[in-house]
Amino acid sequence: MLSHEAVPLMRSSESEEAEVSVFPINPASSTPRFFYISSRYAFRQLTPPYPARCHPILIRLLDDDKVDDETTAAVPREDGSKDPLAPAPQTRDAYCEPGLRGISTSPYVVLCAAFSAIGGLLFGYDQGVVSVILVEPQFLSRFSRIADGASGAGYWKGLLTAMIELGALIGALNQGWIADKYSRKYSIFFATCIFTVGSLLQASAIDYVWLVTARFIGGLAVGMMSMVIPLYISEISPPEIRGALLVLEALSIVTGVVVAFWITYATQYMASEWAWRLPFLLQIGPGLVLGVGITFLPFSPRWLASKGRDREALQNLARLRSLPVTDHRVQLEWSGIRAEITLHEQITAEKHPHLQDGTRGSRLRLELAAWADCFKSDCWRRTHVGIGIMALQQWVGINALIYYSPTLFQTMGLDHDMSLKMSGVLNICQLIGVSTSIWSMDYFGRRPLLLFGSTVMFLSHLSIAVLVGQFSHDWPGHRRQGWASVAMLLVYMLAFGASWGPVPWALPSEIFPSSLRAKGVALSTCSNWLNNFIIGLLTPPLVEKTGYGAYVFFAVFCLLSLFWTYLFVPETKGKSLEQMDQVFGDFRSEAEQKRRERIEGDIASDARGLASA
């Protein structure tokens, strides 16, 4: 515990004392250096040079005249000018280097994130397993209503693939309160139990209604996992490698798609119905591994703090950072977590004072009010970004390619077997693209990746539309143009994998305040699944009736995503979850800024006693 003494400072215009806490940087040293911290988060050292490390104590400094330009950062006003008296961001030492080097020095948190990302593998597998199964004769003989030539085959095929999205929409929406009440890790456990039931029902389906119902149940679990796993990873990760660890979710999803495709490609040569039953059955294995293993992972420190379990939150945070609880970086992050939770609890109590009596009815109404708060002025920008980025991820055409890539390749002149093989190659290209974002997410940032991806995907779709429109009437006579179309589709998949694949899964779990994070991520994930559901229904008739028009359709949305990203998406690279108020400019008044400063000061002062107890 650091000792400190009060040092009186005189105001320049009055004989009024302002108390400033002064702390020794190295109390054991024979010539200790001292520093104090103002409410402006500026570190002022009584003897230079300025310290590289310091204890996170924030106090009030009344002697404003003594804050100079070197120790106070200027923050832009809304009109673009700078306010020299605005609070500067609180500085901190990094836990590690960003990107791959940071991952190599943070083994425990990487292990926790990678294991929880098995849920993404299940999600991707359950999505990808249908792409080959939909064209298998063994499958079509059992479910003849979706076979080519059957009445309404396109609609019934679209409904089958879309049922997982409908189930996922409901599962993601319901997971918000479960993750808040029972914890992030236990909600993952609940999801794996439902996933196991859905997988067994899919493997044993004997008619179309049974299969559609089983896909819906499996979708419930997929939606639950797709919402809570990024949330869990974001809350346990240090800011320097949070983007890279969130990529593990997207990487697992694509890996699941690739594994499912090649398993079903191999089993299609089995003569019996095991050609499609076995792939459904195999996904139970990793689901059971995740369900059992997740119980051994730590609780999210931020969830623990939201439940008032501050000491456990500190211990889990230190364990995840592989540092002692007394480390100044752990203390600073811990204090910031508690301050952010306290601030938003106070704001919520002020918004809904009539719902604070603790009765069951008030708790239910407060839960509903919290969902509504996501759409109010102080959180609307975040909700808009979360919902918008997930919606556009679907409308740029990705799942249309995953679900119906064999059909799309046939429109480019490839035969059945080559279409299936190229669909597998397409998924591998996405996997390669996503792999690059493990490094690029924290190196370049989220926003540059989105802008790059939108541009390349737009050009790819536009090129394919031109080639298909010009030469689809005679592919045998224009083989070179057919393969050029295939190449552009592969380029599209590489660009998507490096940008719009991982970033939309990462960003929503970063941007919402602690009090609304689970609900905000749930709304964002619901947006993904709702639009995924619509795409699943829309794509078969779109491809069947418009031909190259499908590529024009998706090209327009790629261009729209470019402008939308440029106008609305902020950069979150290197920011802690507690700094998102600054990123989005959500402080509504100077009074709210000062309130947060007071909370941080009180919590940091209390932290010294709690940490040393």
Foldseek 3Di string as FASTA:
>chain_A
DWDWDWDWDAAPPDRDTDTWTKTFPDVPDPDTWIWTAELLLFIGTPDDDTDPADFQFYDHDPNVVPDDQVRHDWDADPVGDTDRPHRDDHDHDALFAAFPRRCVVQPPLLVLLLLLLLLLLLLLQLLQLQQLLLPQPQNCVQEVCLDPPHVPNLQLQLLQNLLLLVLLLVLLQVLLVVCLPVNLLVLLLVLLVQLLVLLVQCLPDRYSVSNSVSSSSNSSSSNNSLLRSLLLSQLQDGQRQSLLSLLSNLLSSLVSNLVSLVQLVVLSPPPHSCSSSVSSNVSNVSSVVSNVVSVPQQTRLLSCLLVVNLVSSLVSNCVSSVHASPPSNSLNVSLLSNLLSVLVVVVLCVVCVVLPPPDPVSVVVSVVVLLVVCCDDLNNLLLCVLLVLLLLLPLLPDSLCSNHQLVLLVLLPDDNVVSSVLSSVLSVLLSVLSVVSSGVCQVVFQLVLLLQLLVLSLVLLVLLLVLSVVPSVPCVVVVVSSVVNSVSSSSNSSSCSNHSSSSSSNRLSQQDGSSCSSNSSSSSSSSNSVSNSVCSSPSSVCCVPPPSVSSVSSSVSSVVSNVCSVPRPFTCRSPRSSCNCVRVVSPPDPVSSVSSSVSSNVSSVVSVVVSVD
